[in-house]
Every structure is written in C-alpha cells, then in structure tokens.
Amino acid sequence: MLRLNVFIQVSEENKAEVEKTAKELVAASLKDEGCIAYDFFKSATREDVYMICETWTDEASLKAHSESVHFTTLVPKIESLAAMKLEKFQF
C-alpha cells in the first residue's frame, strides 16, 4: 500500500478555483482502480495551505492514475494556480 500527501500553497485569489479543481480530481480519482482513498483538506492552521491525501493499493495503480486523463488535465491546472511548487511526500 502507498500513501501520498501532497501540499498546495495557494494565494487568496486562486483559492476558489483550486478548491473546485481539486474536488473534480478527487471525484474522478476515487473511481480509479486501486484507489483506496483520495481526500482534499484545507489546513486548520494556515489558510493558504491545502493537502491531497492519496492511498493506493500498489505502484502500478498509482502509475496508471498519474497517466489518466483527469490527472494529466487537472493536476497541471492546480499547479498553475499554486503559489509554489507542489510538495509531495510518499510513504
């Protein structure tokens, strides 16, 4: 099992669009084979920080997800709206 925590820092003017796009990503990703969990959270202590938590059965499922249409379309959109490069930690 693989777990990813992806941190996104967002400026005030981009928050609504990031939230909308991330919710689309979550809905589509939950349908991917091998997806155990896929959640989007807003920090309780920093208003400009969000986190996507992903849990996958194996590396092959994660790879297929990263090549999916929803990932290759929505993640670059989120990246373009972020105030800094997305920080990804895999466990």
C-alpha atoms as a PDB file:
ATOM      1  CA  MET A   1       0.000   0.000   0.000  1.00  0.00           C
ATOM      2  CA  LEU A   2       1.235   3.503  -0.864  1.00  0.00           C
ATOM      3  CA  ARG A   3       0.287   6.792   0.746  1.00  0.00           C
ATOM      4  CA  LEU A   4       0.913  10.223  -0.765  1.00  0.00           C
ATOM      5  CA  ASN A   5       0.455  13.573   0.932  1.00  0.00           C
ATOM      6  CA  VAL A   6       0.592  16.495  -1.485  1.00  0.00           C
ATOM      7  CA  PHE A   7       0.745  20.022  -0.099  1.00  0.00           C
ATOM      8  CA  ILE A   8      -0.518  23.003  -2.101  1.00  0.00           C
ATOM      9  CA  GLN A   9       0.048  26.626  -1.143  1.00  0.00           C
ATOM     10  CA  VAL A  10      -2.463  28.986  -2.775  1.00  0.00           C
ATOM     11  CA  SER A  11      -2.908  32.749  -2.901  1.00  0.00           C
ATOM     12  CA  GLU A  12      -6.267  34.204  -1.849  1.00  0.00           C
ATOM     13  CA  GLU A  13      -7.387  34.981  -5.413  1.00  0.00           C
ATOM     14  CA  ASN A  14      -6.867  31.362  -6.565  1.00  0.00           C
ATOM     15  CA  LYS A  15      -8.457  29.505  -3.634  1.00  0.00           C
ATOM     16  CA  ALA A  16     -11.922  29.038  -5.156  1.00  0.00           C
ATOM     17  CA  GLU A  17     -10.548  27.689  -8.438  1.00  0.00           C
ATOM     18  CA  VAL A  18      -8.106  25.339  -6.687  1.00  0.00           C
ATOM     19  CA  GLU A  19     -10.890  24.013  -4.456  1.00  0.00           C
ATOM     20  CA  LYS A  20     -13.183  23.444  -7.455  1.00  0.00           C
ATOM     21  CA  THR A  21     -10.461  21.724  -9.491  1.00  0.00           C
ATOM     22  CA  ALA A  22      -9.263  19.586  -6.577  1.00  0.00           C
ATOM     23  CA  LYS A  23     -12.814  18.387  -5.909  1.00  0.00           C
ATOM     24  CA  GLU A  24     -13.080  17.321  -9.568  1.00  0.00           C
ATOM     25  CA  LEU A  25      -9.766  15.482  -9.217  1.00  0.00           C
ATOM     26  CA  VAL A  26     -10.936  13.703  -6.058  1.00  0.00           C
ATOM     27  CA  ALA A  27     -14.234  12.593  -7.622  1.00  0.00           C
ATOM     28  CA  ALA A  28     -12.520  11.183 -10.712  1.00  0.00           C
ATOM     29  CA  SER A  29      -9.597   9.624  -8.834  1.00  0.00           C
ATOM     30  CA  LEU A  30     -11.841   7.714  -6.433  1.00  0.00           C
ATOM     31  CA  LYS A  31     -13.076   5.767  -9.480  1.00  0.00           C
ATOM     32  CA  ASP A  32      -9.540   4.690 -10.460  1.00  0.00           C
ATOM     33  CA  GLU A  33      -8.686   1.034  -9.994  1.00  0.00           C
ATOM     34  CA  GLY A  34      -6.511   0.564  -6.930  1.00  0.00           C
ATOM     35  CA  CYS A  35      -7.576   3.792  -5.238  1.00  0.00           C
ATOM     36  CA  ILE A  36      -8.272   3.132  -1.563  1.00  0.00           C
ATOM     37  CA  ALA A  37      -8.738   6.769  -0.534  1.00  0.00           C
ATOM     38  CA  TYR A  38      -8.369  10.209  -2.106  1.00  0.00           C
ATOM     39  CA  ASP A  39      -9.147  13.248   0.045  1.00  0.00           C
ATOM     40  CA  PHE A  40      -8.732  17.026  -0.135  1.00  0.00           C
ATOM     41  CA  PHE A  41      -8.230  19.050   3.039  1.00  0.00           C
ATOM     42  CA  LYS A  42      -7.796  22.703   3.968  1.00  0.00           C
ATOM     43  CA  SER A  43      -5.275  23.388   6.734  1.00  0.00           C
ATOM     44  CA  ALA A  44      -6.767  24.265  10.105  1.00  0.00           C
ATOM     45  CA  THR A  45      -3.760  26.442  10.952  1.00  0.00           C
ATOM     46  CA  ARG A  46      -2.767  28.027   7.623  1.00  0.00           C
ATOM     47  CA  GLU A  47      -5.481  29.474   5.400  1.00  0.00           C
ATOM     48  CA  ASP A  48      -3.283  29.306   2.297  1.00  0.00           C
ATOM     49  CA  VAL A  49      -2.390  25.600   2.520  1.00  0.00           C
ATOM     50  CA  TYR A  50      -4.313  22.573   1.246  1.00  0.00           C
ATOM     51  CA  MET A  51      -3.435  18.878   1.204  1.00  0.00           C
ATOM     52  CA  ILE A  52      -4.427  15.974  -1.000  1.00  0.00           C
ATOM     53  CA  CYS A  53      -4.071  12.582   0.727  1.00  0.00           C
ATOM     54  CA  GLU A  54      -3.979   9.569  -1.558  1.00  0.00           C
ATOM     55  CA  THR A  55      -3.854   5.872  -0.709  1.00  0.00           C
ATOM     56  CA  TRP A  56      -3.178   3.290  -3.425  1.00  0.00           C
ATOM     57  CA  THR A  57      -3.008  -0.491  -3.398  1.00  0.00           C
ATOM     58  CA  ASP A  58       0.278  -0.603  -5.301  1.00  0.00           C
ATOM     59  CA  GLU A  59       2.751   1.248  -7.509  1.00  0.00           C
ATOM     60  CA  ALA A  60       1.040   0.069 -10.716  1.00  0.00           C
ATOM     61  CA  SER A  61      -2.271   1.648  -9.675  1.00  0.00           C
ATOM     62  CA  LEU A  62      -0.546   4.910  -8.783  1.00  0.00           C
ATOM     63  CA  LYS A  63       1.277   4.919 -12.129  1.00  0.00           C
ATOM     64  CA  ALA A  64      -1.967   4.320 -14.049  1.00  0.00           C
ATOM     65  CA  HIS A  65      -3.600   7.149 -12.097  1.00  0.00           C
ATOM     66  CA  SER A  66      -0.752   9.544 -12.906  1.00  0.00           C
ATOM     67  CA  GLU A  67      -1.255   8.786 -16.613  1.00  0.00           C
ATOM     68  CA  SER A  68      -5.052   9.180 -16.566  1.00  0.00           C
ATOM     69  CA  VAL A  69      -6.821  11.969 -18.441  1.00  0.00           C
ATOM     70  CA  HIS A  70      -8.197  13.549 -15.273  1.00  0.00           C
ATOM     71  CA  PHE A  71      -4.752  13.614 -13.643  1.00  0.00           C
ATOM     72  CA  THR A  72      -2.904  14.960 -16.692  1.00  0.00           C
ATOM     73  CA  THR A  73      -5.568  17.651 -17.141  1.00  0.00           C
ATOM     74  CA  LEU A  74      -6.416  18.716 -13.585  1.00  0.00           C
ATOM     75  CA  VAL A  75      -3.050  18.491 -11.802  1.00  0.00           C
ATOM     76  CA  PRO A  76      -1.314  20.902 -14.215  1.00  0.00           C
ATOM     77  CA  LYS A  77      -4.234  23.293 -13.685  1.00  0.00           C
ATOM     78  CA  ILE A  78      -3.760  23.120  -9.909  1.00  0.00           C
ATOM     79  CA  GLU A  79      -0.001  23.562 -10.337  1.00  0.00           C
ATOM     80  CA  SER A  80      -0.555  26.683 -12.431  1.00  0.00           C
ATOM     81  CA  LEU A  81      -2.727  28.183  -9.669  1.00  0.00           C
ATOM     82  CA  ALA A  82      -0.407  27.272  -6.787  1.00  0.00           C
ATOM     83  CA  ALA A  83       1.801  29.886  -5.154  1.00  0.00           C
ATOM     84  CA  MET A  84       4.711  27.432  -5.126  1.00  0.00           C
ATOM     85  CA  LYS A  85       5.694  24.019  -6.485  1.00  0.00           C
ATOM     86  CA  LEU A  86       3.528  21.242  -5.067  1.00  0.00           C
ATOM     87  CA  GLU A  87       5.264  19.319  -2.278  1.00  0.00           C
ATOM     88  CA  LYS A  88       4.727  15.559  -2.485  1.00  0.00           C
ATOM     89  CA  PHE A  89       5.659  13.037   0.193  1.00  0.00           C
ATOM     90  CA  GLN A  90       5.275   9.305  -0.405  1.00  0.00           C
ATOM     91  CA  PHE A  91       5.006   6.805   2.435  1.00  0.00           C
END
